[in-house]
C-alpha atoms as a PDB file:
ATOM      1  CA  UNK A   1      74.118  44.348-226.925  1.00  0.00           C
ATOM      2  CA  UNK A   2      75.008  42.645-223.624  1.00  0.00           C
ATOM      3  CA  UNK A   3      72.629  45.095-221.922  1.00  0.00           C
ATOM      4  CA  UNK A   4      69.935  44.194-224.482  1.00  0.00           C
ATOM      5  CA  UNK A   5      70.400  40.461-223.844  1.00  0.00           C
ATOM      6  CA  UNK A   6      70.371  40.960-220.073  1.00  0.00           C
ATOM      7  CA  UNK A   7      67.136  42.923-220.291  1.00  0.00           C
ATOM      8  CA  UNK A   8      65.641  40.239-222.583  1.00  0.00           C
ATOM      9  CA  UNK A   9      66.441  37.442-220.108  1.00  0.00           C
ATOM     10  CA  UNK A  10      65.126  39.432-217.148  1.00  0.00           C
ATOM     11  CA  UNK A  11      61.927  40.601-218.877  1.00  0.00           C
ATOM     12  CA  UNK A  12      61.145  37.215-220.480  1.00  0.00           C
ATOM     13  CA  UNK A  13      61.604  35.460-217.114  1.00  0.00           C
ATOM     14  CA  UNK A  14      59.344  37.973-215.365  1.00  0.00           C
ATOM     15  CA  UNK A  15      56.707  37.713-218.106  1.00  0.00           C
ATOM     16  CA  UNK A  16      56.678  33.902-218.100  1.00  0.00           C
ATOM     17  CA  UNK A  17      56.347  33.750-214.303  1.00  0.00           C
ATOM     18  CA  UNK A  18      53.819  36.601-214.078  1.00  0.00           C
ATOM     19  CA  UNK A  19      51.649  35.272-216.886  1.00  0.00           C
ATOM     20  CA  UNK A  20      51.936  31.577-215.989  1.00  0.00           C
ATOM     21  CA  UNK A  21      48.277  31.445-214.793  1.00  0.00           C
ATOM     22  CA  UNK A  22      47.211  33.031-218.105  1.00  0.00           C
ATOM     23  CA  UNK A  23      49.409  30.616-220.088  1.00  0.00           C
ATOM     24  CA  UNK A  24      47.885  27.641-218.263  1.00  0.00           C
ATOM     25  CA  UNK A  25      44.336  28.968-218.749  1.00  0.00           C
ATOM     26  CA  UNK A  26      44.904  29.557-222.465  1.00  0.00           C
ATOM     27  CA  UNK A  27      46.380  26.057-222.819  1.00  0.00           C
ATOM     28  CA  UNK A  28      43.263  24.532-221.252  1.00  0.00           C
ATOM     29  CA  UNK A  29      40.993  26.642-223.492  1.00  0.00           C
ATOM     30  CA  UNK A  30      42.854  25.500-226.627  1.00  0.00           C
ATOM     31  CA  UNK A  31      42.606  21.814-225.657  1.00  0.00           C
ATOM     32  CA  UNK A  32      38.879  22.134-224.935  1.00  0.00           C
ATOM     33  CA  UNK A  33      38.177  24.108-228.125  1.00  0.00           C
ATOM     34  CA  UNK A  34      39.656  21.760-230.718  1.00  0.00           C
ATOM     35  CA  UNK A  35      41.741  18.651-231.242  1.00  0.00           C
ATOM     36  CA  UNK A  36      45.483  19.025-231.486  1.00  0.00           C
ATOM     37  CA  UNK A  37      48.404  20.328-229.482  1.00  0.00           C
ATOM     38  CA  UNK A  38      48.547  23.536-227.501  1.00  0.00           C
ATOM     39  CA  UNK A  39      51.486  25.027-229.372  1.00  0.00           C
ATOM     40  CA  UNK A  40      52.197  25.763-232.995  1.00  0.00           C
ATOM     41  CA  UNK A  41      55.870  25.490-233.908  1.00  0.00           C
ATOM     42  CA  UNK A  42      57.236  26.883-237.114  1.00  0.00           C
ATOM     43  CA  UNK A  43      60.769  26.987-238.421  1.00  0.00           C
ATOM     44  CA  UNK A  44      61.995  30.557-238.726  1.00  0.00           C
ATOM     45  CA  UNK A  45      65.329  32.212-239.399  1.00  0.00           C
ATOM     46  CA  UNK A  46      67.203  34.149-236.722  1.00  0.00           C
ATOM     47  CA  UNK A  47      70.394  36.165-236.556  1.00  0.00           C
ATOM     48  CA  UNK A  48      73.004  35.335-239.227  1.00  0.00           C
ATOM     49  CA  UNK A  49      70.669  32.874-240.972  1.00  0.00           C
ATOM     50  CA  UNK A  50      70.435  30.266-238.196  1.00  0.00           C
ATOM     51  CA  UNK A  51      67.151  28.359-238.017  1.00  0.00           C
ATOM     52  CA  UNK A  52      64.990  27.954-234.920  1.00  0.00           C
ATOM     53  CA  UNK A  53      61.472  26.878-233.963  1.00  0.00           C
ATOM     54  CA  UNK A  54      59.204  29.763-233.033  1.00  0.00           C
ATOM     55  CA  UNK A  55      56.497  28.969-230.473  1.00  0.00           C
ATOM     56  CA  UNK A  56      52.965  30.311-230.603  1.00  0.00           C
ATOM     57  CA  UNK A  57      49.688  29.146-229.147  1.00  0.00           C
ATOM     58  CA  UNK A  58      47.823  27.147-231.782  1.00  0.00           C
ATOM     59  CA  UNK A  59      45.021  29.276-233.242  1.00  0.00           C
ATOM     60  CA  UNK A  60      43.975  27.033-236.133  1.00  0.00           C
ATOM     61  CA  UNK A  61      42.632  23.532-236.474  1.00  0.00           C
ATOM     62  CA  UNK A  62      45.314  20.870-236.082  1.00  0.00           C
ATOM     63  CA  UNK A  63      45.766  20.109-239.799  1.00  0.00           C
ATOM     64  CA  UNK A  64      45.479  23.701-241.062  1.00  0.00           C
ATOM     65  CA  UNK A  65      48.724  23.514-243.061  1.00  0.00           C
ATOM     66  CA  UNK A  66      47.288  20.646-245.105  1.00  0.00           C
ATOM     67  CA  UNK A  67      43.869  22.240-245.608  1.00  0.00           C
ATOM     68  CA  UNK A  68      44.999  25.362-247.423  1.00  0.00           C
ATOM     69  CA  UNK A  69      47.262  28.351-247.672  1.00  0.00           C
ATOM     70  CA  UNK A  70      49.305  29.611-244.723  1.00  0.00           C
ATOM     71  CA  UNK A  71      48.446  33.230-245.508  1.00  0.00           C
ATOM     72  CA  UNK A  72      46.398  34.847-242.743  1.00  0.00           C
ATOM     73  CA  UNK A  73      43.023  35.909-244.115  1.00  0.00           C
ATOM     74  CA  UNK A  74      39.999  37.468-242.374  1.00  0.00           C
ATOM     75  CA  UNK A  75      37.266  34.939-241.720  1.00  0.00           C
ATOM     76  CA  UNK A  76      39.600  32.006-242.310  1.00  0.00           C
ATOM     77  CA  UNK A  77      37.538  28.897-241.534  1.00  0.00           C
ATOM     78  CA  UNK A  78      40.673  27.151-240.208  1.00  0.00           C
ATOM     79  CA  UNK A  79      40.893  29.571-237.238  1.00  0.00           C
ATOM     80  CA  UNK A  80      39.306  28.183-234.066  1.00  0.00           C
ATOM     81  CA  UNK A  81      36.950  30.179-231.842  1.00  0.00           C
ATOM     82  CA  UNK A  82      39.598  30.464-229.131  1.00  0.00           C
ATOM     83  CA  UNK A  83      42.221  31.169-231.783  1.00  0.00           C
ATOM     84  CA  UNK A  84      40.236  34.140-233.053  1.00  0.00           C
ATOM     85  CA  UNK A  85      40.301  35.749-229.592  1.00  0.00           C
ATOM     86  CA  UNK A  86      43.985  34.920-229.071  1.00  0.00           C
ATOM     87  CA  UNK A  87      44.872  36.604-232.370  1.00  0.00           C
ATOM     88  CA  UNK A  88      42.715  39.648-231.660  1.00  0.00           C
ATOM     89  CA  UNK A  89      44.589  40.347-228.430  1.00  0.00           C
ATOM     90  CA  UNK A  90      47.885  38.887-229.734  1.00  0.00           C
ATOM     91  CA  UNK A  91      47.932  36.387-226.885  1.00  0.00           C
ATOM     92  CA  UNK A  92      48.963  33.680-229.339  1.00  0.00           C
ATOM     93  CA  UNK A  93      52.452  35.226-229.247  1.00  0.00           C
ATOM     94  CA  UNK A  94      52.984  34.871-225.472  1.00  0.00           C
ATOM     95  CA  UNK A  95      54.972  31.600-225.840  1.00  0.00           C
ATOM     96  CA  UNK A  96      57.593  33.574-227.775  1.00  0.00           C
ATOM     97  CA  UNK A  97      58.930  34.746-224.401  1.00  0.00           C
ATOM     98  CA  UNK A  98      60.359  31.219-224.248  1.00  0.00           C
ATOM     99  CA  UNK A  99      62.163  31.910-227.567  1.00  0.00           C
ATOM    100  CA  UNK A 100      63.552  35.103-226.013  1.00  0.00           C
ATOM    101  CA  UNK A 101      64.733  33.246-222.912  1.00  0.00           C
ATOM    102  CA  UNK A 102      66.425  30.610-225.108  1.00  0.00           C
ATOM    103  CA  UNK A 103      68.230  33.327-227.062  1.00  0.00           C
ATOM    104  CA  UNK A 104      66.572  32.705-230.442  1.00  0.00           C
ATOM    105  CA  UNK A 105      64.767  36.042-230.295  1.00  0.00           C
ATOM    106  CA  UNK A 106      64.785  39.390-228.531  1.00  0.00           C
ATOM    107  CA  UNK A 107      61.862  41.333-227.089  1.00  0.00           C
ATOM    108  CA  UNK A 108      62.384  44.003-229.748  1.00  0.00           C
ATOM    109  CA  UNK A 109      63.960  43.370-233.119  1.00  0.00           C
ATOM    110  CA  UNK A 110      63.258  42.658-236.741  1.00  0.00           C
ATOM    111  CA  UNK A 111      60.482  40.378-237.955  1.00  0.00           C
ATOM    112  CA  UNK A 112      61.632  36.708-238.035  1.00  0.00           C
ATOM    113  CA  UNK A 113      61.213  35.386-241.588  1.00  0.00           C
ATOM    114  CA  UNK A 114      59.993  31.916-242.436  1.00  0.00           C
ATOM    115  CA  UNK A 115      62.472  29.623-244.172  1.00  0.00           C
ATOM    116  CA  UNK A 116      60.525  30.027-247.458  1.00  0.00           C
ATOM    117  CA  UNK A 117      60.736  33.811-247.187  1.00  0.00           C
ATOM    118  CA  UNK A 118      64.449  33.665-246.371  1.00  0.00           C
ATOM    119  CA  UNK A 119      65.178  31.473-249.396  1.00  0.00           C
ATOM    120  CA  UNK A 120      63.731  34.207-251.651  1.00  0.00           C
ATOM    121  CA  UNK A 121      65.840  36.970-250.098  1.00  0.00           C
ATOM    122  CA  UNK A 122      68.047  39.113-252.258  1.00  0.00           C
ATOM    123  CA  UNK A 123      71.389  40.095-250.734  1.00  0.00           C
ATOM    124  CA  UNK A 124      70.157  43.436-249.316  1.00  0.00           C
ATOM    125  CA  UNK A 125      67.290  41.667-247.482  1.00  0.00           C
ATOM    126  CA  UNK A 126      69.764  39.578-245.449  1.00  0.00           C
ATOM    127  CA  UNK A 127      70.844  42.685-243.553  1.00  0.00           C
ATOM    128  CA  UNK A 128      67.654  42.228-241.509  1.00  0.00           C
ATOM    129  CA  UNK A 129      69.338  39.230-239.894  1.00  0.00           C
ATOM    130  CA  UNK A 130      72.264  41.180-238.466  1.00  0.00           C
ATOM    131  CA  UNK A 131      70.244  41.466-235.223  1.00  0.00           C
ATOM    132  CA  UNK A 132      68.027  38.932-233.515  1.00  0.00           C
ATOM    133  CA  UNK A 133      64.387  39.038-234.539  1.00  0.00           C
ATOM    134  CA  UNK A 134      61.928  40.317-231.963  1.00  0.00           C
ATOM    135  CA  UNK A 135      58.480  39.609-230.621  1.00  0.00           C
ATOM    136  CA  UNK A 136      57.784  43.208-231.544  1.00  0.00           C
ATOM    137  CA  UNK A 137      59.572  45.780-233.606  1.00  0.00           C
ATOM    138  CA  UNK A 138      59.304  48.900-235.697  1.00  0.00           C
ATOM    139  CA  UNK A 139      57.234  47.127-238.370  1.00  0.00           C
ATOM    140  CA  UNK A 140      54.763  45.754-235.827  1.00  0.00           C
ATOM    141  CA  UNK A 141      54.057  49.182-234.309  1.00  0.00           C
ATOM    142  CA  UNK A 142      53.863  50.959-237.689  1.00  0.00           C
ATOM    143  CA  UNK A 143      50.482  49.591-238.778  1.00  0.00           C
ATOM    144  CA  UNK A 144      51.653  46.173-239.942  1.00  0.00           C
ATOM    145  CA  UNK A 145      48.408  45.224-241.660  1.00  0.00           C
ATOM    146  CA  UNK A 146      48.557  48.431-243.691  1.00  0.00           C
ATOM    147  CA  UNK A 147      52.110  47.786-244.972  1.00  0.00           C
ATOM    148  CA  UNK A 148      51.865  45.539-248.019  1.00  0.00           C
ATOM    149  CA  UNK A 149      55.248  46.215-249.622  1.00  0.00           C
ATOM    150  CA  UNK A 150      58.003  43.866-248.417  1.00  0.00           C
ATOM    151  CA  UNK A 151      60.645  46.460-249.274  1.00  0.00           C
ATOM    152  CA  UNK A 152      58.949  48.826-246.794  1.00  0.00           C
ATOM    153  CA  UNK A 153      59.193  46.129-244.101  1.00  0.00           C
ATOM    154  CA  UNK A 154      62.899  45.686-244.924  1.00  0.00           C
ATOM    155  CA  UNK A 155      63.359  49.467-244.756  1.00  0.00           C
ATOM    156  CA  UNK A 156      61.744  49.654-241.295  1.00  0.00           C
ATOM    157  CA  UNK A 157      63.847  46.729-240.041  1.00  0.00           C
ATOM    158  CA  UNK A 158      67.070  48.293-241.356  1.00  0.00           C
ATOM    159  CA  UNK A 159      66.122  51.639-239.782  1.00  0.00           C
ATOM    160  CA  UNK A 160      65.702  49.821-236.474  1.00  0.00           C
ATOM    161  CA  UNK A 161      69.151  48.229-236.826  1.00  0.00           C
ATOM    162  CA  UNK A 162      70.781  51.562-237.732  1.00  0.00           C
ATOM    163  CA  UNK A 163      69.032  53.529-234.972  1.00  0.00           C
ATOM    164  CA  UNK A 164      69.109  50.883-232.242  1.00  0.00           C
ATOM    165  CA  UNK A 165      69.461  52.041-228.668  1.00  0.00           C
ATOM    166  CA  UNK A 166      67.983  50.908-225.340  1.00  0.00           C
ATOM    167  CA  UNK A 167      65.758  54.014-225.497  1.00  0.00           C
ATOM    168  CA  UNK A 168      64.397  52.985-228.922  1.00  0.00           C
ATOM    169  CA  UNK A 169      63.572  49.506-227.559  1.00  0.00           C
ATOM    170  CA  UNK A 170      61.670  51.086-224.658  1.00  0.00           C
ATOM    171  CA  UNK A 171      59.760  53.358-227.068  1.00  0.00           C
ATOM    172  CA  UNK A 172      58.774  50.369-229.226  1.00  0.00           C
ATOM    173  CA  UNK A 173      57.713  48.351-226.165  1.00  0.00           C
ATOM    174  CA  UNK A 174      55.421  51.184-225.017  1.00  0.00           C
ATOM    175  CA  UNK A 175      53.991  51.560-228.540  1.00  0.00           C
ATOM    176  CA  UNK A 176      53.413  47.787-228.610  1.00  0.00           C
ATOM    177  CA  UNK A 177      51.245  48.005-225.486  1.00  0.00           C
ATOM    178  CA  UNK A 178      49.165  50.689-227.224  1.00  0.00           C
ATOM    179  CA  UNK A 179      48.848  48.629-230.399  1.00  0.00           C
ATOM    180  CA  UNK A 180      47.766  45.537-228.422  1.00  0.00           C
ATOM    181  CA  UNK A 181      45.214  47.482-226.378  1.00  0.00           C
ATOM    182  CA  UNK A 182      43.683  49.224-229.407  1.00  0.00           C
ATOM    183  CA  UNK A 183      44.036  46.223-231.789  1.00  0.00           C
ATOM    184  CA  UNK A 184      45.547  48.608-234.331  1.00  0.00           C
ATOM    185  CA  UNK A 185      47.244  46.788-237.203  1.00  0.00           C
ATOM    186  CA  UNK A 186      46.133  43.360-235.966  1.00  0.00           C
ATOM    187  CA  UNK A 187      44.123  42.394-239.053  1.00  0.00           C
END
């Protein structure tokens, strides 16, 4: 796990420095596209039930939480024009490298639940939190928009925990690149 954390710190630092021009450009595009801040922060749950703020680029209008449901739906009128493109290419998740650097998340891990989701967990669901959540993971590269059953998500996360190795993380990272480039499972 020390090797995993070391790789996370190294990779997140490299990504933030390498993509800093892209991060700045996206920030400017968001500000020009609609009123509101550049980032969307949401309370999520990390390893062992600790809470943290996840960072994403804002893809919806500033008061989207007050306008309607937080469920992502195709053709959601709350999504901005820039936000639509950011979601399509998953660029809205780039700020999560900051969460990785801070130690709230890992590059690869389980899906970080919202506080509302966590409060509904049964005891066997909490096993998902025995490792840090990741920007990507087994669920994300397994056709996430096609998986509707939460128990299937839990199963994939627990498989990841049971099978974890540096090699598995590398496999998932390579699959993630493929998923991002083909937009598979991004709906």
